[in-house]
């Protein structure tokens, strides 16, 4: 095993941890946002600012989806990096 093996494993693990935390926090925020919006709608408050369901879904996907995808990409990059043999 070469000297790059432990370093690659460390940075792979670090990327997995950062990606997992980013995905978990962004996912929790997206769930909170969705729950709050659906709660308001169920109380008859409407979608707000004359926007419809499509606008709300696109906003949720942009705000929550991008960090979730980035976190997943970091996680799987770290997993790939740890799995490689030097």
N, C-alpha and C. Protein backbone atom coordinates (compact mmCIF):
# COMPACT_ATOMS: atom_id res chain seq x y z
N UNK A 1 0.85 -1.18 0.00
CA UNK A 1 0.00 0.00 0.00
C UNK A 1 0.89 1.24 0.00
N UNK A 2 0.56 2.19 -0.85
CA UNK A 2 1.39 3.39 -0.95
C UNK A 2 0.97 4.41 0.11
N UNK A 3 1.74 5.50 0.16
CA UNK A 3 1.47 6.54 1.15
C UNK A 3 0.18 7.28 0.86
N UNK A 4 -0.31 7.24 -0.36
CA UNK A 4 -1.54 7.96 -0.71
C UNK A 4 -2.78 7.24 -0.19
N UNK A 5 -2.68 5.97 0.18
CA UNK A 5 -3.83 5.21 0.65
C UNK A 5 -4.50 5.78 1.88
N UNK A 6 -3.75 6.02 2.98
CA UNK A 6 -4.39 6.57 4.18
C UNK A 6 -4.92 7.99 3.97
N UNK A 7 -4.19 8.80 3.19
CA UNK A 7 -4.63 10.17 2.93
C UNK A 7 -5.92 10.15 2.11
N UNK A 8 -5.94 9.31 1.11
CA UNK A 8 -7.13 9.18 0.28
C UNK A 8 -8.31 8.69 1.11
N UNK A 9 -8.05 7.74 2.00
CA UNK A 9 -9.12 7.24 2.88
C UNK A 9 -9.63 8.31 3.83
N UNK A 10 -8.71 9.12 4.37
CA UNK A 10 -9.11 10.19 5.28
C UNK A 10 -9.98 11.21 4.58
N UNK A 11 -9.52 11.70 3.42
CA UNK A 11 -10.29 12.71 2.70
C UNK A 11 -11.59 12.14 2.15
N UNK A 12 -11.59 10.88 1.79
CA UNK A 12 -12.83 10.24 1.37
C UNK A 12 -13.83 10.20 2.52
N UNK A 13 -13.36 9.83 3.70
CA UNK A 13 -14.23 9.81 4.88
C UNK A 13 -14.72 11.20 5.24
N UNK A 14 -13.83 12.19 5.13
CA UNK A 14 -14.20 13.57 5.41
C UNK A 14 -15.28 14.06 4.45
N UNK A 15 -15.14 13.74 3.17
CA UNK A 15 -16.16 14.11 2.20
C UNK A 15 -17.48 13.41 2.50
N UNK A 16 -17.42 12.16 2.93
CA UNK A 16 -18.64 11.44 3.27
C UNK A 16 -19.35 12.09 4.45
N UNK A 17 -18.61 12.50 5.45
CA UNK A 17 -19.20 13.13 6.63
C UNK A 17 -19.82 14.49 6.26
N UNK A 18 -19.08 15.30 5.53
CA UNK A 18 -19.58 16.62 5.15
C UNK A 18 -20.81 16.48 4.25
N UNK A 19 -20.75 15.57 3.30
CA UNK A 19 -21.89 15.34 2.41
C UNK A 19 -23.11 14.83 3.16
N UNK A 20 -22.89 13.93 4.11
CA UNK A 20 -24.01 13.42 4.90
C UNK A 20 -24.65 14.49 5.76
N UNK A 21 -23.84 15.34 6.38
CA UNK A 21 -24.37 16.42 7.21
C UNK A 21 -25.13 17.42 6.35
N UNK A 22 -24.56 17.79 5.20
CA UNK A 22 -25.22 18.74 4.30
C UNK A 22 -26.56 18.19 3.82
N UNK A 23 -26.58 16.92 3.44
CA UNK A 23 -27.83 16.30 2.97
C UNK A 23 -28.86 16.24 4.09
N UNK A 24 -28.44 15.87 5.29
CA UNK A 24 -29.38 15.76 6.40
C UNK A 24 -29.96 17.12 6.78
N UNK A 25 -29.12 18.14 6.86
CA UNK A 25 -29.62 19.47 7.24
C UNK A 25 -30.51 20.07 6.16
N UNK A 26 -30.11 19.94 4.91
CA UNK A 26 -30.94 20.48 3.83
C UNK A 26 -32.25 19.70 3.72
N UNK A 27 -32.19 18.41 3.93
CA UNK A 27 -33.42 17.61 3.90
C UNK A 27 -34.36 17.97 5.02
N UNK A 28 -33.82 18.18 6.22
CA UNK A 28 -34.66 18.57 7.35
C UNK A 28 -35.29 19.94 7.12
N UNK A 29 -34.52 20.86 6.56
CA UNK A 29 -35.04 22.19 6.27
C UNK A 29 -36.14 22.11 5.21
N UNK A 30 -35.95 21.29 4.20
CA UNK A 30 -36.95 21.13 3.15
C UNK A 30 -38.23 20.52 3.71
N UNK A 31 -38.10 19.54 4.58
CA UNK A 31 -39.28 18.94 5.21
C UNK A 31 -40.00 19.97 6.07
N UNK A 32 -39.27 20.76 6.82
CA UNK A 32 -39.86 21.81 7.66
C UNK A 32 -40.60 22.84 6.81
N UNK A 33 -39.97 23.27 5.72
CA UNK A 33 -40.56 24.23 4.79
C UNK A 33 -41.86 23.67 4.20
N UNK A 34 -41.80 22.42 3.75
CA UNK A 34 -42.97 21.78 3.16
C UNK A 34 -44.09 21.64 4.17
N UNK A 35 -43.76 21.19 5.36
CA UNK A 35 -44.77 21.01 6.41
C UNK A 35 -45.44 22.35 6.75
N UNK A 36 -44.66 23.39 6.88
CA UNK A 36 -45.21 24.70 7.20
C UNK A 36 -46.11 25.24 6.10
N UNK A 37 -45.69 25.07 4.87
CA UNK A 37 -46.49 25.56 3.75
C UNK A 37 -47.80 24.79 3.64
N UNK A 38 -47.73 23.47 3.75
CA UNK A 38 -48.96 22.67 3.68
C UNK A 38 -49.87 22.96 4.86
N UNK A 39 -49.29 23.26 6.01
CA UNK A 39 -50.09 23.62 7.17
C UNK A 39 -50.84 24.93 6.93
N UNK A 40 -50.16 25.91 6.36
CA UNK A 40 -50.80 27.19 6.04
C UNK A 40 -51.91 27.01 5.02
N UNK A 41 -51.66 26.20 4.02
CA UNK A 41 -52.67 25.97 2.98
C UNK A 41 -53.89 25.27 3.57
N UNK A 42 -53.65 24.33 4.46
CA UNK A 42 -54.78 23.61 5.06
C UNK A 42 -55.63 24.52 5.95
N UNK A 43 -55.05 25.61 6.43
CA UNK A 43 -55.80 26.57 7.25
C UNK A 43 -56.48 27.63 6.40
N UNK A 44 -56.31 27.53 5.08
CA UNK A 44 -56.97 28.46 4.18
C UNK A 44 -56.21 29.74 3.94
N UNK A 45 -54.93 29.78 4.23
CA UNK A 45 -54.14 30.99 4.02
C UNK A 45 -53.71 31.17 2.57
N UNK A 46 -53.88 30.16 1.74
CA UNK A 46 -53.49 30.27 0.34
C UNK A 46 -52.00 30.06 0.15
N UNK A 47 -51.57 30.21 -1.08
CA UNK A 47 -50.16 29.98 -1.41
C UNK A 47 -49.31 31.21 -1.19
N UNK A 48 -49.91 32.36 -1.05
CA UNK A 48 -49.15 33.58 -0.79
C UNK A 48 -48.62 34.21 -2.05
N UNK A 49 -48.72 35.50 -2.15
CA UNK A 49 -48.21 36.29 -3.27
C UNK A 49 -48.73 35.79 -4.62
N UNK A 50 -49.95 35.30 -4.63
CA UNK A 50 -50.63 34.86 -5.86
C UNK A 50 -49.85 33.81 -6.62
N UNK A 51 -49.12 32.97 -5.95
CA UNK A 51 -48.39 31.91 -6.64
C UNK A 51 -49.14 30.60 -6.48
N UNK A 52 -48.93 29.71 -7.41
CA UNK A 52 -49.62 28.44 -7.38
C UNK A 52 -48.74 27.32 -6.87
N UNK A 53 -49.27 26.13 -6.95
CA UNK A 53 -48.56 24.94 -6.48
C UNK A 53 -47.27 24.72 -7.27
N UNK A 54 -47.31 24.96 -8.56
CA UNK A 54 -46.12 24.75 -9.39
C UNK A 54 -44.98 25.67 -8.97
N UNK A 55 -45.31 26.94 -8.72
CA UNK A 55 -44.27 27.88 -8.26
C UNK A 55 -43.69 27.45 -6.93
N UNK A 56 -44.55 26.98 -6.04
CA UNK A 56 -44.09 26.55 -4.73
C UNK A 56 -43.19 25.33 -4.85
N UNK A 57 -43.57 24.37 -5.69
CA UNK A 57 -42.74 23.17 -5.87
C UNK A 57 -41.39 23.51 -6.51
N UNK A 58 -41.38 24.41 -7.47
CA UNK A 58 -40.11 24.81 -8.09
C UNK A 58 -39.21 25.54 -7.09
N UNK A 59 -39.80 26.39 -6.27
CA UNK A 59 -39.02 27.09 -5.25
C UNK A 59 -38.43 26.11 -4.25
N UNK A 60 -39.23 25.15 -3.82
CA UNK A 60 -38.75 24.13 -2.88
C UNK A 60 -37.63 23.31 -3.51
N UNK A 61 -37.79 22.94 -4.77
CA UNK A 61 -36.76 22.15 -5.45
C UNK A 61 -35.46 22.93 -5.59
N UNK A 62 -35.55 24.23 -5.87
CA UNK A 62 -34.33 25.02 -6.03
C UNK A 62 -33.64 25.26 -4.69
N UNK A 63 -34.43 25.62 -3.69
CA UNK A 63 -33.83 25.96 -2.40
C UNK A 63 -33.36 24.73 -1.66
N UNK A 64 -34.14 23.67 -1.65
CA UNK A 64 -33.78 22.46 -0.92
C UNK A 64 -33.10 21.41 -1.75
N UNK A 65 -33.47 21.33 -3.03
CA UNK A 65 -32.95 20.26 -3.87
C UNK A 65 -31.49 20.39 -4.24
N UNK A 66 -31.05 21.61 -4.49
CA UNK A 66 -29.66 21.82 -4.90
C UNK A 66 -28.68 21.43 -3.78
N UNK A 67 -28.88 21.88 -2.53
CA UNK A 67 -27.95 21.44 -1.48
C UNK A 67 -28.03 19.95 -1.20
N UNK A 68 -29.22 19.36 -1.34
CA UNK A 68 -29.34 17.92 -1.14
C UNK A 68 -28.54 17.17 -2.19
N UNK A 69 -28.66 17.59 -3.45
CA UNK A 69 -27.90 16.94 -4.53
C UNK A 69 -26.40 17.15 -4.35
N UNK A 70 -26.00 18.34 -3.91
CA UNK A 70 -24.58 18.60 -3.66
C UNK A 70 -24.06 17.72 -2.54
N UNK A 71 -24.83 17.59 -1.47
CA UNK A 71 -24.43 16.73 -0.36
C UNK A 71 -24.32 15.27 -0.78
N UNK A 72 -25.28 14.80 -1.57
CA UNK A 72 -25.20 13.42 -2.07
C UNK A 72 -24.01 13.21 -2.97
N UNK A 73 -23.72 14.22 -3.81
CA UNK A 73 -22.55 14.12 -4.69
C UNK A 73 -21.26 14.04 -3.87
N UNK A 74 -21.14 14.85 -2.82
CA UNK A 74 -19.95 14.80 -1.96
C UNK A 74 -19.84 13.46 -1.26
N UNK A 75 -20.97 12.95 -0.78
CA UNK A 75 -20.97 11.67 -0.09
C UNK A 75 -20.48 10.55 -1.02
N UNK A 76 -21.05 10.48 -2.21
CA UNK A 76 -20.67 9.40 -3.13
C UNK A 76 -19.27 9.59 -3.70
N UNK A 77 -18.82 10.85 -3.82
CA UNK A 77 -17.43 11.08 -4.23
C UNK A 77 -16.49 10.57 -3.15
N UNK A 78 -16.80 10.84 -1.89
CA UNK A 78 -15.99 10.34 -0.79
C UNK A 78 -15.99 8.82 -0.71
N UNK A 79 -17.16 8.24 -0.96
CA UNK A 79 -17.26 6.78 -0.95
C UNK A 79 -16.42 6.16 -2.07
N UNK A 80 -16.47 6.80 -3.24
CA UNK A 80 -15.66 6.32 -4.37
C UNK A 80 -14.17 6.48 -4.06
N UNK A 81 -13.82 7.59 -3.45
CA UNK A 81 -12.42 7.87 -3.13
C UNK A 81 -11.89 6.87 -2.10
N UNK A 82 -12.68 6.51 -1.11
CA UNK A 82 -12.26 5.53 -0.11
C UNK A 82 -12.13 4.14 -0.69
N UNK A 83 -12.96 3.83 -1.69
CA UNK A 83 -12.96 2.49 -2.25
C UNK A 83 -11.83 2.23 -3.23
N UNK A 84 -11.22 3.30 -3.74
CA UNK A 84 -10.12 3.14 -4.70
C UNK A 84 -8.88 2.60 -4.01
N UNK A 85 -8.18 1.76 -4.69
CA UNK A 85 -6.91 1.23 -4.19
C UNK A 85 -5.78 2.05 -4.78
N UNK A 86 -4.81 2.37 -3.99
CA UNK A 86 -3.68 3.19 -4.43
C UNK A 86 -2.77 2.41 -5.37
